[in-house]
mmCIF file of all heavy atoms, coordinates in Angstrom:
data_MODEL
# 
_entry.id   MODEL 
# 
loop_
_atom_site.group_PDB 
_atom_site.id 
_atom_site.type_symbol 
_atom_site.label_atom_id 
_atom_site.label_alt_id 
_atom_site.label_comp_id 
_atom_site.label_asym_id 
_atom_site.label_entity_id 
_atom_site.label_seq_id 
_atom_site.pdbx_PDB_ins_code 
_atom_site.Cartn_x 
_atom_site.Cartn_y 
_atom_site.Cartn_z 
_atom_site.occupancy 
_atom_site.B_iso_or_equiv 
_atom_site.pdbx_formal_charge 
_atom_site.auth_seq_id 
_atom_site.auth_comp_id 
_atom_site.auth_asym_id 
_atom_site.auth_atom_id 
_atom_site.pdbx_PDB_model_num 
ATOM 1   N N   . LYS A 1 1  ? 0.849  -1.213  0.049   1.00 0.00 ? 1  LYS A N   1 
ATOM 2   C CA  . LYS A 1 1  ? 0.081  -0.059  0.047   1.00 0.00 ? 1  LYS A CA  1 
ATOM 3   C C   . LYS A 1 1  ? 0.885  1.261   0.002   1.00 0.00 ? 1  LYS A C   1 
ATOM 4   O O   . LYS A 1 1  ? 0.609  2.246   -0.716  1.00 0.00 ? 1  LYS A O   1 
ATOM 5   C CB  . LYS A 1 1  ? -0.943 0.068   1.157   1.00 0.00 ? 1  LYS A CB  1 
ATOM 6   C CG  . LYS A 1 1  ? -1.948 1.069   1.198   1.00 0.00 ? 1  LYS A CG  1 
ATOM 7   C CD  . LYS A 1 1  ? -2.949 0.959   2.407   1.00 0.00 ? 1  LYS A CD  1 
ATOM 8   C CE  . LYS A 1 1  ? -3.813 -0.309  2.293   1.00 0.00 ? 1  LYS A CE  1 
ATOM 9   N NZ  . LYS A 1 1  ? -4.878 -0.155  3.397   1.00 0.00 ? 1  LYS A NZ  1 
ATOM 10  N N   . ASN A 1 2  ? 1.947  1.246   0.781   1.00 0.00 ? 2  ASN A N   1 
ATOM 11  C CA  . ASN A 1 2  ? 2.907  2.468   0.978   1.00 0.00 ? 2  ASN A CA  1 
ATOM 12  C C   . ASN A 1 2  ? 3.503  2.545   -0.389  1.00 0.00 ? 2  ASN A C   1 
ATOM 13  O O   . ASN A 1 2  ? 3.717  3.654   -0.898  1.00 0.00 ? 2  ASN A O   1 
ATOM 14  C CB  . ASN A 1 2  ? 3.836  2.332   2.167   1.00 0.00 ? 2  ASN A CB  1 
ATOM 15  C CG  . ASN A 1 2  ? 3.110  2.404   3.467   1.00 0.00 ? 2  ASN A CG  1 
ATOM 16  O OD1 . ASN A 1 2  ? 1.946  2.907   3.593   1.00 0.00 ? 2  ASN A OD1 1 
ATOM 17  N ND2 . ASN A 1 2  ? 3.849  1.887   4.413   1.00 0.00 ? 2  ASN A ND2 1 
ATOM 18  N N   . LEU A 1 3  ? 4.106  1.449   -0.937  1.00 0.00 ? 3  LEU A N   1 
ATOM 19  C CA  . LEU A 1 3  ? 4.825  1.562   -2.113  1.00 0.00 ? 3  LEU A CA  1 
ATOM 20  C C   . LEU A 1 3  ? 3.965  2.059   -3.335  1.00 0.00 ? 3  LEU A C   1 
ATOM 21  O O   . LEU A 1 3  ? 4.309  2.929   -4.174  1.00 0.00 ? 3  LEU A O   1 
ATOM 22  C CB  . LEU A 1 3  ? 5.419  0.194   -2.441  1.00 0.00 ? 3  LEU A CB  1 
ATOM 23  C CG  . LEU A 1 3  ? 6.187  0.061   -3.799  1.00 0.00 ? 3  LEU A CG  1 
ATOM 24  C CD1 . LEU A 1 3  ? 7.391  0.962   -3.740  1.00 0.00 ? 3  LEU A CD1 1 
ATOM 25  C CD2 . LEU A 1 3  ? 6.663  -1.362  -4.008  1.00 0.00 ? 3  LEU A CD2 1 
ATOM 26  N N   . MET A 1 4  ? 2.758  1.554   -3.370  1.00 0.00 ? 4  MET A N   1 
ATOM 27  C CA  . MET A 1 4  ? 1.795  2.073   -4.444  1.00 0.00 ? 4  MET A CA  1 
ATOM 28  C C   . MET A 1 4  ? 1.537  3.522   -4.326  1.00 0.00 ? 4  MET A C   1 
ATOM 29  O O   . MET A 1 4  ? 1.498  4.238   -5.370  1.00 0.00 ? 4  MET A O   1 
ATOM 30  C CB  . MET A 1 4  ? 0.419  1.220   -4.112  1.00 0.00 ? 4  MET A CB  1 
ATOM 31  C CG  . MET A 1 4  ? -0.583 1.517   -5.274  1.00 0.00 ? 4  MET A CG  1 
ATOM 32  S SD  . MET A 1 4  ? -0.213 0.592   -6.703  1.00 0.00 ? 4  MET A SD  1 
ATOM 33  C CE  . MET A 1 4  ? -1.729 0.711   -7.528  1.00 0.00 ? 4  MET A CE  1 
ATOM 34  N N   . LYS A 1 5  ? 1.271  4.053   -3.086  1.00 0.00 ? 5  LYS A N   1 
ATOM 35  C CA  . LYS A 1 5  ? 1.074  5.472   -2.990  1.00 0.00 ? 5  LYS A CA  1 
ATOM 36  C C   . LYS A 1 5  ? 2.236  6.300   -3.441  1.00 0.00 ? 5  LYS A C   1 
ATOM 37  O O   . LYS A 1 5  ? 2.082  7.404   -4.029  1.00 0.00 ? 5  LYS A O   1 
ATOM 38  C CB  . LYS A 1 5  ? 0.794  5.803   -1.410  1.00 0.00 ? 5  LYS A CB  1 
ATOM 39  C CG  . LYS A 1 5  ? -0.624 5.481   -0.912  1.00 0.00 ? 5  LYS A CG  1 
ATOM 40  C CD  . LYS A 1 5  ? -0.842 5.776   0.376   1.00 0.00 ? 5  LYS A CD  1 
ATOM 41  C CE  . LYS A 1 5  ? -2.221 5.496   0.973   1.00 0.00 ? 5  LYS A CE  1 
ATOM 42  N NZ  . LYS A 1 5  ? -2.298 5.811   2.377   1.00 0.00 ? 5  LYS A NZ  1 
ATOM 43  N N   . ALA A 1 6  ? 3.402  5.783   -3.126  1.00 0.00 ? 6  ALA A N   1 
ATOM 44  C CA  . ALA A 1 6  ? 4.637  6.484   -3.445  1.00 0.00 ? 6  ALA A CA  1 
ATOM 45  C C   . ALA A 1 6  ? 4.861  6.556   -4.905  1.00 0.00 ? 6  ALA A C   1 
ATOM 46  O O   . ALA A 1 6  ? 5.276  7.508   -5.448  1.00 0.00 ? 6  ALA A O   1 
ATOM 47  C CB  . ALA A 1 6  ? 5.909  5.878   -2.675  1.00 0.00 ? 6  ALA A CB  1 
ATOM 48  N N   . LEU A 1 7  ? 4.602  5.423   -5.578  1.00 0.00 ? 7  LEU A N   1 
ATOM 49  C CA  . LEU A 1 7  ? 4.854  5.389   -7.023  1.00 0.00 ? 7  LEU A CA  1 
ATOM 50  C C   . LEU A 1 7  ? 3.819  6.235   -7.711  1.00 0.00 ? 7  LEU A C   1 
ATOM 51  O O   . LEU A 1 7  ? 4.104  6.812   -8.785  1.00 0.00 ? 7  LEU A O   1 
ATOM 52  C CB  . LEU A 1 7  ? 4.714  3.861   -7.507  1.00 0.00 ? 7  LEU A CB  1 
ATOM 53  C CG  . LEU A 1 7  ? 5.798  2.903   -7.088  1.00 0.00 ? 7  LEU A CG  1 
ATOM 54  C CD1 . LEU A 1 7  ? 5.548  1.449   -7.382  1.00 0.00 ? 7  LEU A CD1 1 
ATOM 55  C CD2 . LEU A 1 7  ? 7.099  3.337   -7.870  1.00 0.00 ? 7  LEU A CD2 1 
ATOM 56  N N   . MET A 1 8  ? 2.607  6.247   -7.267  1.00 0.00 ? 8  MET A N   1 
ATOM 57  C CA  . MET A 1 8  ? 1.594  7.119   -7.834  1.00 0.00 ? 8  MET A CA  1 
ATOM 58  C C   . MET A 1 8  ? 1.917  8.578   -7.883  1.00 0.00 ? 8  MET A C   1 
ATOM 59  O O   . MET A 1 8  ? 1.665  9.230   -8.789  1.00 0.00 ? 8  MET A O   1 
ATOM 60  C CB  . MET A 1 8  ? 0.167  6.887   -7.183  1.00 0.00 ? 8  MET A CB  1 
ATOM 61  C CG  . MET A 1 8  ? -0.467 5.623   -7.435  1.00 0.00 ? 8  MET A CG  1 
ATOM 62  S SD  . MET A 1 8  ? -1.967 5.400   -6.330  1.00 0.00 ? 8  MET A SD  1 
ATOM 63  C CE  . MET A 1 8  ? -3.010 6.619   -7.048  1.00 0.00 ? 8  MET A CE  1 
ATOM 64  N N   . ARG A 1 9  ? 2.713  8.986   -6.924  1.00 0.00 ? 9  ARG A N   1 
ATOM 65  C CA  . ARG A 1 9  ? 3.116  10.483  -6.705  1.00 0.00 ? 9  ARG A CA  1 
ATOM 66  C C   . ARG A 1 9  ? 4.463  10.783  -7.244  1.00 0.00 ? 9  ARG A C   1 
ATOM 67  O O   . ARG A 1 9  ? 4.722  11.978  -7.464  1.00 0.00 ? 9  ARG A O   1 
ATOM 68  C CB  . ARG A 1 9  ? 2.976  10.822  -5.222  1.00 0.00 ? 9  ARG A CB  1 
ATOM 69  C CG  . ARG A 1 9  ? 1.643  10.671  -4.619  1.00 0.00 ? 9  ARG A CG  1 
ATOM 70  C CD  . ARG A 1 9  ? 1.693  10.880  -3.223  1.00 0.00 ? 9  ARG A CD  1 
ATOM 71  N NE  . ARG A 1 9  ? 0.291  10.688  -2.625  1.00 0.00 ? 9  ARG A NE  1 
ATOM 72  C CZ  . ARG A 1 9  ? 0.063  10.541  -1.319  1.00 0.00 ? 9  ARG A CZ  1 
ATOM 73  N NH1 . ARG A 1 9  ? 1.027  10.546  -0.485  1.00 0.00 ? 9  ARG A NH1 1 
ATOM 74  N NH2 . ARG A 1 9  ? -1.196 10.495  -0.855  1.00 0.00 ? 9  ARG A NH2 1 
ATOM 75  N N   . CYS A 1 10 ? 5.270  9.679   -7.507  1.00 0.00 ? 10 CYS A N   1 
ATOM 76  C CA  . CYS A 1 10 ? 6.600  10.019  -7.905  1.00 0.00 ? 10 CYS A CA  1 
ATOM 77  C C   . CYS A 1 10 ? 6.930  10.471  -9.275  1.00 0.00 ? 10 CYS A C   1 
ATOM 78  O O   . CYS A 1 10 ? 6.080  10.229  -10.098 1.00 0.00 ? 10 CYS A O   1 
ATOM 79  C CB  . CYS A 1 10 ? 7.656  8.867   -7.542  1.00 0.00 ? 10 CYS A CB  1 
ATOM 80  S SG  . CYS A 1 10 ? 7.488  7.561   -8.737  1.00 0.00 ? 10 CYS A SG  1 
ATOM 81  N N   . ASP A 1 11 ? 8.043  11.159  -9.551  1.00 0.00 ? 11 ASP A N   1 
ATOM 82  C CA  . ASP A 1 11 ? 8.426  11.486  -10.872 1.00 0.00 ? 11 ASP A CA  1 
ATOM 83  C C   . ASP A 1 11 ? 9.591  10.567  -11.369 1.00 0.00 ? 11 ASP A C   1 
ATOM 84  O O   . ASP A 1 11 ? 9.680  10.391  -12.593 1.00 0.00 ? 11 ASP A O   1 
ATOM 85  C CB  . ASP A 1 11 ? 8.968  13.006  -10.835 1.00 0.00 ? 11 ASP A CB  1 
ATOM 86  C CG  . ASP A 1 11 ? 7.972  13.977  -10.342 1.00 0.00 ? 11 ASP A CG  1 
ATOM 87  O OD1 . ASP A 1 11 ? 6.917  14.133  -11.052 1.00 0.00 ? 11 ASP A OD1 1 
ATOM 88  O OD2 . ASP A 1 11 ? 8.223  14.522  -9.268  1.00 0.00 ? 11 ASP A OD2 1 
ATOM 89  N N   . VAL A 1 12 ? 10.275 9.966   -10.572 1.00 0.00 ? 12 VAL A N   1 
ATOM 90  C CA  . VAL A 1 12 ? 11.248 9.087   -10.773 1.00 0.00 ? 12 VAL A CA  1 
ATOM 91  C C   . VAL A 1 12 ? 11.313 7.943   -9.773  1.00 0.00 ? 12 VAL A C   1 
ATOM 92  O O   . VAL A 1 12 ? 11.040 8.083   -8.622  1.00 0.00 ? 12 VAL A O   1 
ATOM 93  C CB  . VAL A 1 12 ? 12.798 9.793   -10.699 1.00 0.00 ? 12 VAL A CB  1 
ATOM 94  C CG1 . VAL A 1 12 ? 13.910 8.707   -10.868 1.00 0.00 ? 12 VAL A CG1 1 
ATOM 95  C CG2 . VAL A 1 12 ? 12.841 10.918  -11.682 1.00 0.00 ? 12 VAL A CG2 1 
ATOM 96  N N   . ALA A 1 13 ? 11.417 6.607   -10.427 1.00 0.00 ? 13 ALA A N   1 
ATOM 97  C CA  . ALA A 1 13 ? 11.620 5.471   -9.548  1.00 0.00 ? 13 ALA A CA  1 
ATOM 98  C C   . ALA A 1 13 ? 12.784 4.729   -10.018 1.00 0.00 ? 13 ALA A C   1 
ATOM 99  O O   . ALA A 1 13 ? 13.005 4.476   -11.145 1.00 0.00 ? 13 ALA A O   1 
ATOM 100 C CB  . ALA A 1 13 ? 10.315 4.569   -9.698  1.00 0.00 ? 13 ALA A CB  1 
ATOM 101 N N   . VAL A 1 14 ? 13.655 4.394   -8.976  1.00 0.00 ? 14 VAL A N   1 
ATOM 102 C CA  . VAL A 1 14 ? 14.881 3.718   -9.273  1.00 0.00 ? 14 VAL A CA  1 
ATOM 103 C C   . VAL A 1 14 ? 14.690 2.357   -8.594  1.00 0.00 ? 14 VAL A C   1 
ATOM 104 O O   . VAL A 1 14 ? 14.555 2.256   -7.402  1.00 0.00 ? 14 VAL A O   1 
ATOM 105 C CB  . VAL A 1 14 ? 16.110 4.486   -8.598  1.00 0.00 ? 14 VAL A CB  1 
ATOM 106 C CG1 . VAL A 1 14 ? 17.405 3.799   -8.855  1.00 0.00 ? 14 VAL A CG1 1 
ATOM 107 C CG2 . VAL A 1 14 ? 16.230 5.920   -9.180  1.00 0.00 ? 14 VAL A CG2 1 
ATOM 108 N N   . GLY A 1 15 ? 15.046 1.360   -9.448  1.00 0.00 ? 15 GLY A N   1 
ATOM 109 C CA  . GLY A 1 15 ? 15.061 -0.083  -8.997  1.00 0.00 ? 15 GLY A CA  1 
ATOM 110 C C   . GLY A 1 15 ? 16.480 -0.431  -8.720  1.00 0.00 ? 15 GLY A C   1 
ATOM 111 O O   . GLY A 1 15 ? 17.362 -0.446  -9.658  1.00 0.00 ? 15 GLY A O   1 
ATOM 112 N N   . ALA A 1 16 ? 16.869 -0.766  -7.414  1.00 0.00 ? 16 ALA A N   1 
ATOM 113 C CA  . ALA A 1 16 ? 18.174 -1.055  -7.018  1.00 0.00 ? 16 ALA A CA  1 
ATOM 114 C C   . ALA A 1 16 ? 18.204 -2.341  -6.210  1.00 0.00 ? 16 ALA A C   1 
ATOM 115 O O   . ALA A 1 16 ? 18.781 -2.341  -5.080  1.00 0.00 ? 16 ALA A O   1 
ATOM 116 C CB  . ALA A 1 16 ? 18.667 0.104   -6.391  1.00 0.00 ? 16 ALA A CB  1 
ATOM 117 N N   . THR A 1 17 ? 17.519 -3.424  -6.419  1.00 0.00 ? 17 THR A N   1 
ATOM 118 C CA  . THR A 1 17 ? 17.530 -4.574  -5.731  1.00 0.00 ? 17 THR A CA  1 
ATOM 119 C C   . THR A 1 17 ? 18.311 -5.629  -6.369  1.00 0.00 ? 17 THR A C   1 
ATOM 120 O O   . THR A 1 17 ? 18.476 -5.668  -7.540  1.00 0.00 ? 17 THR A O   1 
ATOM 121 C CB  . THR A 1 17 ? 16.064 -5.097  -5.388  1.00 0.00 ? 17 THR A CB  1 
ATOM 122 O OG1 . THR A 1 17 ? 15.479 -5.383  -6.599  1.00 0.00 ? 17 THR A OG1 1 
ATOM 123 C CG2 . THR A 1 17 ? 15.377 -4.021  -4.734  1.00 0.00 ? 17 THR A CG2 1 
ATOM 124 N N   . LYS A 1 18 ? 18.688 -6.779  -5.694  1.00 0.00 ? 18 LYS A N   1 
ATOM 125 C CA  . LYS A 1 18 ? 19.341 -7.774  -6.159  1.00 0.00 ? 18 LYS A CA  1 
ATOM 126 C C   . LYS A 1 18 ? 18.847 -9.047  -5.524  1.00 0.00 ? 18 LYS A C   1 
ATOM 127 O O   . LYS A 1 18 ? 18.434 -9.003  -4.330  1.00 0.00 ? 18 LYS A O   1 
ATOM 128 C CB  . LYS A 1 18 ? 20.840 -7.708  -6.229  1.00 0.00 ? 18 LYS A CB  1 
ATOM 129 C CG  . LYS A 1 18 ? 21.475 -7.616  -4.870  1.00 0.00 ? 18 LYS A CG  1 
ATOM 130 C CD  . LYS A 1 18 ? 22.943 -7.637  -4.817  1.00 0.00 ? 18 LYS A CD  1 
ATOM 131 C CE  . LYS A 1 18 ? 23.551 -7.609  -3.475  1.00 0.00 ? 18 LYS A CE  1 
ATOM 132 N NZ  . LYS A 1 18 ? 25.015 -7.548  -3.459  1.00 0.00 ? 18 LYS A NZ  1 
ATOM 133 N N   . GLY A 1 19 ? 18.947 -10.240 -6.146  1.00 0.00 ? 19 GLY A N   1 
ATOM 134 C CA  . GLY A 1 19 ? 18.469 -11.496 -5.525  1.00 0.00 ? 19 GLY A CA  1 
ATOM 135 C C   . GLY A 1 19 ? 19.577 -12.563 -5.719  1.00 0.00 ? 19 GLY A C   1 
ATOM 136 O O   . GLY A 1 19 ? 20.663 -12.201 -6.267  1.00 0.00 ? 19 GLY A O   1 
ATOM 137 N N   . LYS A 1 20 ? 19.376 -13.698 -5.282  1.00 0.00 ? 20 LYS A N   1 
ATOM 138 C CA  . LYS A 1 20 ? 20.310 -14.788 -5.361  1.00 0.00 ? 20 LYS A CA  1 
ATOM 139 C C   . LYS A 1 20 ? 20.579 -15.134 -6.807  1.00 0.00 ? 20 LYS A C   1 
ATOM 140 O O   . LYS A 1 20 ? 21.720 -15.135 -7.302  1.00 0.00 ? 20 LYS A O   1 
ATOM 141 C CB  . LYS A 1 20 ? 19.910 -16.004 -4.558  1.00 0.00 ? 20 LYS A CB  1 
ATOM 142 C CG  . LYS A 1 20 ? 21.008 -17.059 -4.467  1.00 0.00 ? 20 LYS A CG  1 
ATOM 143 C CD  . LYS A 1 20 ? 20.583 -18.145 -3.503  1.00 0.00 ? 20 LYS A CD  1 
ATOM 144 C CE  . LYS A 1 20 ? 21.809 -19.172 -3.250  1.00 0.00 ? 20 LYS A CE  1 
ATOM 145 N NZ  . LYS A 1 20 ? 21.332 -20.275 -2.439  1.00 0.00 ? 20 LYS A NZ  1 
ATOM 146 N N   . ASN A 1 21 ? 19.540 -15.448 -7.633  1.00 0.00 ? 21 ASN A N   1 
ATOM 147 C CA  . ASN A 1 21 ? 19.630 -15.806 -9.082  1.00 0.00 ? 21 ASN A CA  1 
ATOM 148 C C   . ASN A 1 21 ? 19.233 -14.724 -9.934  1.00 0.00 ? 21 ASN A C   1 
ATOM 149 O O   . ASN A 1 21 ? 19.736 -14.468 -11.000 1.00 0.00 ? 21 ASN A O   1 
ATOM 150 C CB  . ASN A 1 21 ? 19.018 -17.059 -9.365  1.00 0.00 ? 21 ASN A CB  1 
ATOM 151 C CG  . ASN A 1 21 ? 19.656 -18.207 -8.594  1.00 0.00 ? 21 ASN A CG  1 
ATOM 152 O OD1 . ASN A 1 21 ? 20.818 -18.416 -8.505  1.00 0.00 ? 21 ASN A OD1 1 
ATOM 153 N ND2 . ASN A 1 21 ? 18.930 -19.235 -8.163  1.00 0.00 ? 21 ASN A ND2 1 
ATOM 154 N N   . ARG A 1 22 ? 18.269 -14.015 -9.488  1.00 0.00 ? 22 ARG A N   1 
ATOM 155 C CA  . ARG A 1 22 ? 17.755 -12.802 -10.238 1.00 0.00 ? 22 ARG A CA  1 
ATOM 156 C C   . ARG A 1 22 ? 16.976 -11.855 -9.237  1.00 0.00 ? 22 ARG A C   1 
ATOM 157 O O   . ARG A 1 22 ? 16.643 -12.307 -8.128  1.00 0.00 ? 22 ARG A O   1 
ATOM 158 C CB  . ARG A 1 22 ? 16.646 -13.252 -11.272 1.00 0.00 ? 22 ARG A CB  1 
ATOM 159 C CG  . ARG A 1 22 ? 15.236 -13.433 -10.853 1.00 0.00 ? 22 ARG A CG  1 
ATOM 160 C CD  . ARG A 1 22 ? 14.205 -13.618 -11.906 1.00 0.00 ? 22 ARG A CD  1 
ATOM 161 N NE  . ARG A 1 22 ? 14.132 -12.846 -13.030 1.00 0.00 ? 22 ARG A NE  1 
ATOM 162 C CZ  . ARG A 1 22 ? 13.554 -11.414 -13.057 1.00 0.00 ? 22 ARG A CZ  1 
ATOM 163 N NH1 . ARG A 1 22 ? 13.129 -11.009 -11.878 1.00 0.00 ? 22 ARG A NH1 1 
ATOM 164 N NH2 . ARG A 1 22 ? 13.533 -10.884 -14.083 1.00 0.00 ? 22 ARG A NH2 1 
ATOM 165 N N   . SER A 1 23 ? 16.803 -10.664 -9.705  1.00 0.00 ? 23 SER A N   1 
ATOM 166 C CA  . SER A 1 23 ? 16.186 -9.654  -8.901  1.00 0.00 ? 23 SER A CA  1 
ATOM 167 C C   . SER A 1 23 ? 14.642 -10.043 -8.791  1.00 0.00 ? 23 SER A C   1 
ATOM 168 O O   . SER A 1 23 ? 14.102 -10.381 -9.675  1.00 0.00 ? 23 SER A O   1 
ATOM 169 C CB  . SER A 1 23 ? 16.338 -8.317  -9.510  1.00 0.00 ? 23 SER A CB  1 
ATOM 170 O OG  . SER A 1 23 ? 17.699 -7.840  -9.532  1.00 0.00 ? 23 SER A OG  1 
ATOM 171 N N   . PRO A 1 24 ? 14.193 -9.880  -7.540  1.00 0.00 ? 24 PRO A N   1 
ATOM 172 C CA  . PRO A 1 24 ? 12.739 -10.178 -7.304  1.00 0.00 ? 24 PRO A CA  1 
ATOM 173 C C   . PRO A 1 24 ? 11.881 -9.018  -7.888  1.00 0.00 ? 24 PRO A C   1 
ATOM 174 O O   . PRO A 1 24 ? 12.301 -7.888  -7.995  1.00 0.00 ? 24 PRO A O   1 
ATOM 175 C CB  . PRO A 1 24 ? 12.626 -10.030 -5.806  1.00 0.00 ? 24 PRO A CB  1 
ATOM 176 C CG  . PRO A 1 24 ? 13.695 -9.287  -5.263  1.00 0.00 ? 24 PRO A CG  1 
ATOM 177 C CD  . PRO A 1 24 ? 14.952 -9.421  -6.299  1.00 0.00 ? 24 PRO A CD  1 
ATOM 178 N N   . ILE A 1 25 ? 10.701 -9.399  -8.525  1.00 0.00 ? 25 ILE A N   1 
ATOM 179 C CA  . ILE A 1 25 ? 9.914  -8.385  -9.215  1.00 0.00 ? 25 ILE A CA  1 
ATOM 180 C C   . ILE A 1 25 ? 8.997  -7.781  -8.061  1.00 0.00 ? 25 ILE A C   1 
ATOM 181 O O   . ILE A 1 25 ? 8.273  -8.461  -7.468  1.00 0.00 ? 25 ILE A O   1 
ATOM 182 C CB  . ILE A 1 25 ? 9.014  -8.992  -10.267 1.00 0.00 ? 25 ILE A CB  1 
ATOM 183 C CG1 . ILE A 1 25 ? 9.833  -9.465  -11.434 1.00 0.00 ? 25 ILE A CG1 1 
ATOM 184 C CG2 . ILE A 1 25 ? 7.927  -7.972  -10.740 1.00 0.00 ? 25 ILE A CG2 1 
ATOM 185 C CD1 . ILE A 1 25 ? 9.180  -10.254 -12.511 1.00 0.00 ? 25 ILE A CD1 1 
ATOM 186 N N   . LEU A 1 26 ? 9.367  -6.533  -7.750  1.00 0.00 ? 26 LEU A N   1 
ATOM 187 C CA  . LEU A 1 26 ? 8.761  -5.830  -6.649  1.00 0.00 ? 26 LEU A CA  1 
ATOM 188 C C   . LEU A 1 26 ? 7.597  -4.862  -7.005  1.00 0.00 ? 26 LEU A C   1 
ATOM 189 O O   . LEU A 1 26 ? 6.772  -4.425  -6.226  1.00 0.00 ? 26 LEU A O   1 
ATOM 190 C CB  . LEU A 1 26 ? 9.831  -5.141  -5.762  1.00 0.00 ? 26 LEU A CB  1 
ATOM 191 C CG  . LEU A 1 26 ? 10.816 -6.114  -5.094  1.00 0.00 ? 26 LEU A CG  1 
ATOM 192 C CD1 . LEU A 1 26 ? 12.012 -5.174  -4.518  1.00 0.00 ? 26 LEU A CD1 1 
ATOM 193 C CD2 . LEU A 1 26 ? 10.246 -7.058  -4.125  1.00 0.00 ? 26 LEU A CD2 1 
ATOM 194 N N   . VAL A 1 27 ? 7.651  -4.543  -8.381  1.00 0.00 ? 27 VAL A N   1 
ATOM 195 C CA  . VAL A 1 27 ? 6.707  -3.521  -8.875  1.00 0.00 ? 27 VAL A CA  1 
ATOM 196 C C   . VAL A 1 27 ? 6.063  -4.197  -10.072 1.00 0.00 ? 27 VAL A C   1 
ATOM 197 O O   . VAL A 1 27 ? 6.610  -4.521  -11.094 1.00 0.00 ? 27 VAL A O   1 
ATOM 198 C CB  . VAL A 1 27 ? 7.353  -2.277  -9.315  1.00 0.00 ? 27 VAL A CB  1 
ATOM 199 C CG1 . VAL A 1 27 ? 6.221  -1.221  -9.863  1.00 0.00 ? 27 VAL A CG1 1 
ATOM 200 C CG2 . VAL A 1 27 ? 8.162  -1.499  -8.133  1.00 0.00 ? 27 VAL A CG2 1 
ATOM 201 N N   . ASN A 1 28 ? 4.709  -4.579  -9.820  1.00 0.00 ? 28 ASN A N   1 
ATOM 202 C CA  . ASN A 1 28 ? 4.020  -5.266  -10.984 1.00 0.00 ? 28 ASN A CA  1 
ATOM 203 C C   . ASN A 1 28 ? 3.461  -4.255  -12.012 1.00 0.00 ? 28 ASN A C   1 
ATOM 204 O O   . ASN A 1 28 ? 3.575  -3.096  -11.810 1.00 0.00 ? 28 ASN A O   1 
ATOM 205 C CB  . ASN A 1 28 ? 2.979  -6.156  -10.377 1.00 0.00 ? 28 ASN A CB  1 
ATOM 206 C CG  . ASN A 1 28 ? 1.914  -5.288  -9.649  1.00 0.00 ? 28 ASN A CG  1 
ATOM 207 O OD1 . ASN A 1 28 ? 1.584  -4.242  -9.962  1.00 0.00 ? 28 ASN A OD1 1 
ATOM 208 N ND2 . ASN A 1 28 ? 1.308  -6.015  -8.514  1.00 0.00 ? 28 ASN A ND2 1 
# 
């Protein structure tokens, strides 16, 4: 819910995550 609100209002979103084999999809 918090992430959704922040993305709706933002001008720039930076994806900076990593996983063991691939990065998890956190924004659908």
